[in-house]
C-alpha atoms as a PDB file:
ATOM      1  CA  UNK A   1     -84.102 118.842  16.843  1.00  0.00           C
ATOM      2  CA  UNK A   2     -87.263 117.738  18.064  1.00  0.00           C
ATOM      3  CA  UNK A   3     -88.683 114.633  16.309  1.00  0.00           C
ATOM      4  CA  UNK A   4     -92.568 114.877  15.593  1.00  0.00           C
ATOM      5  CA  UNK A   5     -95.062 112.492  14.295  1.00  0.00           C
ATOM      6  CA  UNK A   6     -98.462 113.690  13.214  1.00  0.00           C
ATOM      7  CA  UNK A   7    -101.310 110.977  13.689  1.00  0.00           C
ATOM      8  CA  UNK A   8    -104.694 112.301  12.245  1.00  0.00           C
ATOM      9  CA  UNK A   9    -107.166 110.172   9.714  1.00  0.00           C
ATOM     10  CA  UNK A  10    -108.030 113.516   7.729  1.00  0.00           C
ATOM     11  CA  UNK A  11    -104.964 113.642   5.231  1.00  0.00           C
ATOM     12  CA  UNK A  12    -105.821 117.523   4.626  1.00  0.00           C
ATOM     13  CA  UNK A  13    -105.049 118.135   8.548  1.00  0.00           C
ATOM     14  CA  UNK A  14    -102.063 115.948   8.305  1.00  0.00           C
ATOM     15  CA  UNK A  15    -100.629 118.159   5.291  1.00  0.00           C
ATOM     16  CA  UNK A  16    -101.479 121.737   7.063  1.00  0.00           C
ATOM     17  CA  UNK A  17    -100.262 120.427  10.346  1.00  0.00           C
ATOM     18  CA  UNK A  18     -96.629 119.095   8.441  1.00  0.00           C
ATOM     19  CA  UNK A  19     -96.913 122.449   6.570  1.00  0.00           C
ATOM     20  CA  UNK A  20     -96.912 124.581   9.894  1.00  0.00           C
ATOM     21  CA  UNK A  21     -94.327 122.490  11.748  1.00  0.00           C
ATOM     22  CA  UNK A  22     -91.904 123.230   8.741  1.00  0.00           C
ATOM     23  CA  UNK A  23     -91.847 126.803   9.889  1.00  0.00           C
ATOM     24  CA  UNK A  24     -90.949 126.273  13.300  1.00  0.00           C
ATOM     25  CA  UNK A  25     -87.378 125.850  14.141  1.00  0.00           C
ATOM     26  CA  UNK A  26     -85.990 122.913  16.064  1.00  0.00           C
ATOM     27  CA  UNK A  27     -88.952 120.581  14.852  1.00  0.00           C
ATOM     28  CA  UNK A  28     -88.538 117.980  12.530  1.00  0.00           C
ATOM     29  CA  UNK A  29     -91.687 115.858  10.903  1.00  0.00           C
ATOM     30  CA  UNK A  30     -90.281 112.478  11.148  1.00  0.00           C
ATOM     31  CA  UNK A  31     -93.704 110.573  10.061  1.00  0.00           C
ATOM     32  CA  UNK A  32     -97.231 111.010   9.424  1.00  0.00           C
ATOM     33  CA  UNK A  33    -100.086 108.661   9.606  1.00  0.00           C
ATOM     34  CA  UNK A  34    -103.945 108.414   9.736  1.00  0.00           C
ATOM     35  CA  UNK A  35    -104.697 105.028  11.794  1.00  0.00           C
ATOM     36  CA  UNK A  36    -103.890 103.411  15.214  1.00  0.00           C
ATOM     37  CA  UNK A  37    -102.545 100.116  13.129  1.00  0.00           C
ATOM     38  CA  UNK A  38    -100.179 102.514  11.603  1.00  0.00           C
ATOM     39  CA  UNK A  39     -99.015 104.372  14.296  1.00  0.00           C
ATOM     40  CA  UNK A  40     -97.965 101.486  16.104  1.00  0.00           C
ATOM     41  CA  UNK A  41     -95.774 100.259  13.648  1.00  0.00           C
ATOM     42  CA  UNK A  42     -94.530 103.678  12.752  1.00  0.00           C
ATOM     43  CA  UNK A  43     -93.680 104.787  16.528  1.00  0.00           C
ATOM     44  CA  UNK A  44     -91.030 102.140  17.487  1.00  0.00           C
ATOM     45  CA  UNK A  45     -89.308 102.718  13.807  1.00  0.00           C
ATOM     46  CA  UNK A  46     -88.949 106.716  14.068  1.00  0.00           C
ATOM     47  CA  UNK A  47     -88.627 107.085  18.186  1.00  0.00           C
ATOM     48  CA  UNK A  48     -90.408 110.484  17.692  1.00  0.00           C
ATOM     49  CA  UNK A  49     -90.140 112.799  20.866  1.00  0.00           C
ATOM     50  CA  UNK A  50     -93.482 114.116  20.427  1.00  0.00           C
ATOM     51  CA  UNK A  51     -96.809 113.124  18.723  1.00  0.00           C
ATOM     52  CA  UNK A  52     -99.546 115.575  17.628  1.00  0.00           C
ATOM     53  CA  UNK A  53    -102.477 113.180  18.343  1.00  0.00           C
ATOM     54  CA  UNK A  54    -105.892 113.132  17.034  1.00  0.00           C
ATOM     55  CA  UNK A  55    -108.428 111.601  19.599  1.00  0.00           C
ATOM     56  CA  UNK A  56    -110.960 109.657  17.137  1.00  0.00           C
ATOM     57  CA  UNK A  57    -109.611 107.498  14.462  1.00  0.00           C
ATOM     58  CA  UNK A  58    -110.714 105.236  11.894  1.00  0.00           C
ATOM     59  CA  UNK A  59    -109.612 102.258  13.742  1.00  0.00           C
ATOM     60  CA  UNK A  60    -109.836 103.559  17.573  1.00  0.00           C
ATOM     61  CA  UNK A  61    -108.666 106.506  19.414  1.00  0.00           C
ATOM     62  CA  UNK A  62    -105.474 108.071  20.255  1.00  0.00           C
ATOM     63  CA  UNK A  63    -105.800 106.613  23.635  1.00  0.00           C
ATOM     64  CA  UNK A  64    -105.207 103.275  22.308  1.00  0.00           C
ATOM     65  CA  UNK A  65    -101.916 104.459  21.047  1.00  0.00           C
ATOM     66  CA  UNK A  66    -100.692 106.057  23.890  1.00  0.00           C
ATOM     67  CA  UNK A  67    -101.457 102.701  25.682  1.00  0.00           C
ATOM     68  CA  UNK A  68     -99.064 100.738  23.382  1.00  0.00           C
ATOM     69  CA  UNK A  69     -96.033 103.168  23.697  1.00  0.00           C
ATOM     70  CA  UNK A  70     -92.738 101.735  24.790  1.00  0.00           C
ATOM     71  CA  UNK A  71     -90.877 104.439  25.128  1.00  0.00           C
ATOM     72  CA  UNK A  72     -91.415 108.129  26.440  1.00  0.00           C
ATOM     73  CA  UNK A  73     -92.943 110.629  24.446  1.00  0.00           C
ATOM     74  CA  UNK A  74     -95.013 114.180  24.689  1.00  0.00           C
ATOM     75  CA  UNK A  75     -97.948 114.468  23.286  1.00  0.00           C
ATOM     76  CA  UNK A  76    -100.607 117.261  22.101  1.00  0.00           C
ATOM     77  CA  UNK A  77    -104.210 116.092  21.364  1.00  0.00           C
ATOM     78  CA  UNK A  78    -105.640 118.085  18.184  1.00  0.00           C
ATOM     79  CA  UNK A  79    -109.238 117.312  17.948  1.00  0.00           C
ATOM     80  CA  UNK A  80    -112.210 119.056  16.242  1.00  0.00           C
ATOM     81  CA  UNK A  81    -114.639 120.946  19.118  1.00  0.00           C
ATOM     82  CA  UNK A  82    -116.770 117.798  20.085  1.00  0.00           C
ATOM     83  CA  UNK A  83    -117.722 118.535  23.650  1.00  0.00           C
ATOM     84  CA  UNK A  84    -117.454 114.898  24.878  1.00  0.00           C
ATOM     85  CA  UNK A  85    -113.771 114.805  23.514  1.00  0.00           C
ATOM     86  CA  UNK A  86    -112.802 118.019  24.810  1.00  0.00           C
ATOM     87  CA  UNK A  87    -114.038 117.425  27.937  1.00  0.00           C
ATOM     88  CA  UNK A  88    -112.247 114.414  28.207  1.00  0.00           C
ATOM     89  CA  UNK A  89    -109.110 116.165  27.383  1.00  0.00           C
ATOM     90  CA  UNK A  90    -109.741 118.783  30.210  1.00  0.00           C
ATOM     91  CA  UNK A  91    -110.588 116.123  32.997  1.00  0.00           C
ATOM     92  CA  UNK A  92    -107.182 114.747  32.590  1.00  0.00           C
ATOM     93  CA  UNK A  93    -105.258 118.059  32.250  1.00  0.00           C
ATOM     94  CA  UNK A  94    -103.702 116.861  28.943  1.00  0.00           C
ATOM     95  CA  UNK A  95    -102.606 119.531  26.563  1.00  0.00           C
ATOM     96  CA  UNK A  96    -104.771 120.093  23.436  1.00  0.00           C
ATOM     97  CA  UNK A  97    -105.142 122.296  20.096  1.00  0.00           C
ATOM     98  CA  UNK A  98    -108.511 122.459  18.058  1.00  0.00           C
ATOM     99  CA  UNK A  99    -108.662 121.685  14.778  1.00  0.00           C
ATOM    100  CA  UNK A 100    -108.329 123.702  12.693  1.00  0.00           C
ATOM    101  CA  UNK A 101    -104.875 124.577  13.847  1.00  0.00           C
ATOM    102  CA  UNK A 102    -104.241 128.155  14.684  1.00  0.00           C
ATOM    103  CA  UNK A 103    -100.590 128.941  13.679  1.00  0.00           C
ATOM    104  CA  UNK A 104     -99.957 131.133  16.952  1.00  0.00           C
ATOM    105  CA  UNK A 105    -101.693 128.459  19.245  1.00  0.00           C
ATOM    106  CA  UNK A 106     -99.626 126.276  17.503  1.00  0.00           C
ATOM    107  CA  UNK A 107     -96.294 128.019  18.236  1.00  0.00           C
ATOM    108  CA  UNK A 108     -97.102 128.658  21.391  1.00  0.00           C
ATOM    109  CA  UNK A 109     -97.657 125.045  22.233  1.00  0.00           C
ATOM    110  CA  UNK A 110     -94.540 123.967  20.781  1.00  0.00           C
ATOM    111  CA  UNK A 111     -92.675 126.329  22.830  1.00  0.00           C
ATOM    112  CA  UNK A 112     -93.911 125.065  25.565  1.00  0.00           C
ATOM    113  CA  UNK A 113     -92.512 121.425  24.428  1.00  0.00           C
ATOM    114  CA  UNK A 114     -89.003 123.418  23.663  1.00  0.00           C
ATOM    115  CA  UNK A 115     -89.014 124.335  26.961  1.00  0.00           C
ATOM    116  CA  UNK A 116     -90.017 121.205  28.401  1.00  0.00           C
ATOM    117  CA  UNK A 117     -93.055 122.373  29.905  1.00  0.00           C
ATOM    118  CA  UNK A 118     -95.055 119.455  28.298  1.00  0.00           C
ATOM    119  CA  UNK A 119     -94.297 115.829  29.555  1.00  0.00           C
ATOM    120  CA  UNK A 120     -95.095 112.485  29.124  1.00  0.00           C
ATOM    121  CA  UNK A 121     -98.762 111.988  30.111  1.00  0.00           C
ATOM    122  CA  UNK A 122     -98.992 110.007  33.275  1.00  0.00           C
ATOM    123  CA  UNK A 123    -100.952 106.735  33.972  1.00  0.00           C
ATOM    124  CA  UNK A 124    -103.975 108.686  35.786  1.00  0.00           C
ATOM    125  CA  UNK A 125    -104.305 111.310  33.362  1.00  0.00           C
ATOM    126  CA  UNK A 126    -104.810 108.878  30.635  1.00  0.00           C
ATOM    127  CA  UNK A 127    -107.308 106.935  32.523  1.00  0.00           C
ATOM    128  CA  UNK A 128    -109.266 110.027  33.594  1.00  0.00           C
ATOM    129  CA  UNK A 129    -109.078 111.234  30.183  1.00  0.00           C
ATOM    130  CA  UNK A 130    -109.994 107.732  28.466  1.00  0.00           C
ATOM    131  CA  UNK A 131    -112.870 106.864  30.632  1.00  0.00           C
ATOM    132  CA  UNK A 132    -114.471 110.023  30.169  1.00  0.00           C
ATOM    133  CA  UNK A 133    -114.102 110.143  26.342  1.00  0.00           C
ATOM    134  CA  UNK A 134    -115.690 106.292  26.532  1.00  0.00           C
ATOM    135  CA  UNK A 135    -118.352 107.556  28.592  1.00  0.00           C
ATOM    136  CA  UNK A 136    -119.668 110.678  26.725  1.00  0.00           C
ATOM    137  CA  UNK A 137    -120.020 112.282  30.316  1.00  0.00           C
ATOM    138  CA  UNK A 138    -118.954 113.150  33.821  1.00  0.00           C
ATOM    139  CA  UNK A 139    -116.139 110.887  35.631  1.00  0.00           C
ATOM    140  CA  UNK A 140    -115.727 111.161  39.153  1.00  0.00           C
ATOM    141  CA  UNK A 141    -112.560 112.701  39.219  1.00  0.00           C
ATOM    142  CA  UNK A 142    -110.513 115.554  37.590  1.00  0.00           C
ATOM    143  CA  UNK A 143    -106.716 115.973  37.286  1.00  0.00           C
ATOM    144  CA  UNK A 144    -105.392 119.336  38.520  1.00  0.00           C
ATOM    145  CA  UNK A 145    -102.096 120.477  37.287  1.00  0.00           C
ATOM    146  CA  UNK A 146    -100.038 122.851  39.587  1.00  0.00           C
ATOM    147  CA  UNK A 147     -96.629 124.464  38.950  1.00  0.00           C
ATOM    148  CA  UNK A 148     -95.307 121.818  40.777  1.00  0.00           C
ATOM    149  CA  UNK A 149     -97.355 118.394  40.398  1.00  0.00           C
ATOM    150  CA  UNK A 150    -100.569 116.635  38.905  1.00  0.00           C
ATOM    151  CA  UNK A 151    -103.055 115.999  41.327  1.00  0.00           C
ATOM    152  CA  UNK A 152    -105.944 113.554  40.995  1.00  0.00           C
ATOM    153  CA  UNK A 153    -109.003 114.807  42.743  1.00  0.00           C
ATOM    154  CA  UNK A 154    -112.272 113.151  43.521  1.00  0.00           C
ATOM    155  CA  UNK A 155    -115.335 115.633  42.863  1.00  0.00           C
ATOM    156  CA  UNK A 156    -116.730 115.128  46.391  1.00  0.00           C
ATOM    157  CA  UNK A 157    -113.025 116.304  48.020  1.00  0.00           C
ATOM    158  CA  UNK A 158    -113.606 119.880  46.286  1.00  0.00           C
ATOM    159  CA  UNK A 159    -115.327 122.018  48.751  1.00  0.00           C
ATOM    160  CA  UNK A 160    -115.041 125.305  46.695  1.00  0.00           C
ATOM    161  CA  UNK A 161    -112.978 127.244  43.873  1.00  0.00           C
ATOM    162  CA  UNK A 162    -111.734 130.715  44.297  1.00  0.00           C
ATOM    163  CA  UNK A 163    -110.629 132.710  40.893  1.00  0.00           C
ATOM    164  CA  UNK A 164    -108.110 135.432  41.124  1.00  0.00           C
ATOM    165  CA  UNK A 165    -105.914 137.226  38.354  1.00  0.00           C
ATOM    166  CA  UNK A 166    -106.428 134.264  35.611  1.00  0.00           C
ATOM    167  CA  UNK A 167    -105.367 131.766  38.365  1.00  0.00           C
ATOM    168  CA  UNK A 168    -107.969 129.363  40.343  1.00  0.00           C
ATOM    169  CA  UNK A 169    -107.737 127.880  43.468  1.00  0.00           C
ATOM    170  CA  UNK A 170    -109.110 124.738  44.570  1.00  0.00           C
ATOM    171  CA  UNK A 171    -110.177 124.140  48.375  1.00  0.00           C
ATOM    172  CA  UNK A 172    -110.216 120.493  49.446  1.00  0.00           C
ATOM    173  CA  UNK A 173    -111.187 118.447  52.682  1.00  0.00           C
ATOM    174  CA  UNK A 174    -108.227 118.158  55.006  1.00  0.00           C
ATOM    175  CA  UNK A 175    -107.555 121.660  54.707  1.00  0.00           C
ATOM    176  CA  UNK A 176    -105.650 121.049  51.156  1.00  0.00           C
ATOM    177  CA  UNK A 177    -105.395 123.275  48.260  1.00  0.00           C
ATOM    178  CA  UNK A 178    -104.138 123.681  44.622  1.00  0.00           C
ATOM    179  CA  UNK A 179    -103.373 126.436  42.456  1.00  0.00           C
ATOM    180  CA  UNK A 180    -104.081 125.973  38.751  1.00  0.00           C
ATOM    181  CA  UNK A 181    -103.232 128.445  35.861  1.00  0.00           C
ATOM    182  CA  UNK A 182    -106.918 128.182  34.279  1.00  0.00           C
ATOM    183  CA  UNK A 183    -110.041 130.052  34.589  1.00  0.00           C
ATOM    184  CA  UNK A 184    -113.203 129.144  36.983  1.00  0.00           C
ATOM    185  CA  UNK A 185    -115.250 129.696  33.952  1.00  0.00           C
ATOM    186  CA  UNK A 186    -113.652 126.482  32.825  1.00  0.00           C
ATOM    187  CA  UNK A 187    -114.008 124.525  35.602  1.00  0.00           C
ATOM    188  CA  UNK A 188    -117.699 125.303  35.729  1.00  0.00           C
ATOM    189  CA  UNK A 189    -117.984 123.579  32.728  1.00  0.00           C
ATOM    190  CA  UNK A 190    -116.599 120.271  34.112  1.00  0.00           C
ATOM    191  CA  UNK A 191    -117.747 119.957  37.311  1.00  0.00           C
ATOM    192  CA  UNK A 192    -121.092 118.410  37.979  1.00  0.00           C
ATOM    193  CA  UNK A 193    -124.480 120.272  38.580  1.00  0.00           C
ATOM    194  CA  UNK A 194    -124.013 120.532  42.125  1.00  0.00           C
ATOM    195  CA  UNK A 195    -121.218 123.280  41.933  1.00  0.00           C
ATOM    196  CA  UNK A 196    -123.030 126.399  41.970  1.00  0.00           C
ATOM    197  CA  UNK A 197    -121.733 129.620  40.803  1.00  0.00           C
ATOM    198  CA  UNK A 198    -122.593 132.453  43.422  1.00  0.00           C
ATOM    199  CA  UNK A 199    -120.434 135.103  42.352  1.00  0.00           C
ATOM    200  CA  UNK A 200    -118.214 135.434  39.623  1.00  0.00           C
ATOM    201  CA  UNK A 201    -115.030 134.703  41.401  1.00  0.00           C
ATOM    202  CA  UNK A 202    -116.685 131.276  43.252  1.00  0.00           C
ATOM    203  CA  UNK A 203    -117.733 128.155  42.395  1.00  0.00           C
ATOM    204  CA  UNK A 204    -119.026 126.094  45.516  1.00  0.00           C
ATOM    205  CA  UNK A 205    -120.065 122.453  45.894  1.00  0.00           C
ATOM    206  CA  UNK A 206    -123.572 122.750  47.433  1.00  0.00           C
ATOM    207  CA  UNK A 207    -122.947 119.707  49.735  1.00  0.00           C
ATOM    208  CA  UNK A 208    -120.652 121.918  51.890  1.00  0.00           C
ATOM    209  CA  UNK A 209    -122.956 124.949  51.943  1.00  0.00           C
ATOM    210  CA  UNK A 210    -124.602 125.142  55.799  1.00  0.00           C
ATOM    211  CA  UNK A 211    -126.234 128.604  55.711  1.00  0.00           C
ATOM    212  CA  UNK A 212    -127.216 131.388  53.199  1.00  0.00           C
ATOM    213  CA  UNK A 213    -127.105 134.744  54.908  1.00  0.00           C
ATOM    214  CA  UNK A 214    -129.399 137.234  53.781  1.00  0.00           C
ATOM    215  CA  UNK A 215    -126.812 139.839  53.823  1.00  0.00           C
ATOM    216  CA  UNK A 216    -125.552 138.236  50.765  1.00  0.00           C
ATOM    217  CA  UNK A 217    -123.230 135.599  51.596  1.00  0.00           C
ATOM    218  CA  UNK A 218    -123.054 131.464  52.237  1.00  0.00           C
ATOM    219  CA  UNK A 219    -121.131 129.830  55.400  1.00  0.00           C
ATOM    220  CA  UNK A 220    -119.891 126.968  54.386  1.00  0.00           C
ATOM    221  CA  UNK A 221    -119.697 123.953  57.073  1.00  0.00           C
ATOM    222  CA  UNK A 222    -115.892 124.598  57.626  1.00  0.00           C
ATOM    223  CA  UNK A 223    -117.269 128.340  58.430  1.00  0.00           C
ATOM    224  CA  UNK A 224    -115.875 129.851  55.287  1.00  0.00           C
ATOM    225  CA  UNK A 225    -117.820 132.457  53.980  1.00  0.00           C
ATOM    226  CA  UNK A 226    -118.423 132.860  50.314  1.00  0.00           C
ATOM    227  CA  UNK A 227    -119.878 136.027  48.507  1.00  0.00           C
ATOM    228  CA  UNK A 228    -123.419 136.045  46.682  1.00  0.00           C
ATOM    229  CA  UNK A 229    -123.270 138.915  44.057  1.00  0.00           C
ATOM    230  CA  UNK A 230    -126.475 140.555  43.917  1.00  0.00           C
ATOM    231  CA  UNK A 231    -127.494 139.772  40.432  1.00  0.00           C
ATOM    232  CA  UNK A 232    -127.129 136.151  41.749  1.00  0.00           C
ATOM    233  CA  UNK A 233    -129.088 136.195  44.864  1.00  0.00           C
ATOM    234  CA  UNK A 234    -132.411 135.319  43.266  1.00  0.00           C
ATOM    235  CA  UNK A 235    -130.597 132.054  41.451  1.00  0.00           C
ATOM    236  CA  UNK A 236    -128.734 131.263  44.794  1.00  0.00           C
ATOM    237  CA  UNK A 237    -132.212 131.366  46.672  1.00  0.00           C
ATOM    238  CA  UNK A 238    -134.049 129.093  44.052  1.00  0.00           C
ATOM    239  CA  UNK A 239    -131.199 126.788  43.679  1.00  0.00           C
ATOM    240  CA  UNK A 240    -131.199 125.904  47.184  1.00  0.00           C
ATOM    241  CA  UNK A 241    -134.617 125.896  48.036  1.00  0.00           C
ATOM    242  CA  UNK A 242    -134.939 123.801  44.933  1.00  0.00           C
ATOM    243  CA  UNK A 243    -137.628 126.244  43.188  1.00  0.00           C
ATOM    244  CA  UNK A 244    -136.559 126.904  39.818  1.00  0.00           C
END
């Protein structure tokens, strides 16, 4: 059995989450609480395998709890849709569910745990997410999760992104690339404003743009050609000339 602890400062959420978990085979709720102080006492005593963890608690944050963990534990964040909180989780490539919890989404997340698809958050992931959460804005790095590894990437090393059939490839300086299984739209919302969307399948760091060709494409400093869609042509010209 996979031992689960629920940490959320809303009693109704704890109750509903526990009810949903009781319907899932191989999972048992060993504890539930609503504060950092309680969690730091209960976790060592119950040794859960998985935390369903809210970000904002009455006496601190979920990051405070994770910082003091003494033994490995998988984590799924649960949060209401607050832009800064959700972005923080995404910057760290951490797993999350939105409140109120959807039964099917919870089942899918638990299946990942069952198949060992969710691992203990790494220090870099937590540091980036925590800093982004505390600052309420952009951090200068992002964690990208490929099938093989987690990679911490500074924004300035991203040349462009290309999306294809549900996957996004990040093309980085030094002829590196990373493939992630998330849409380019999600990263458009996370990356700074100097990343431009000239085409539905591309996101480009404008610091690497060398030329805009009137036939409808960009040439980057590494000679890569990026298409510009017809409907985005005026936007691209205005963006590059600063006339907006």
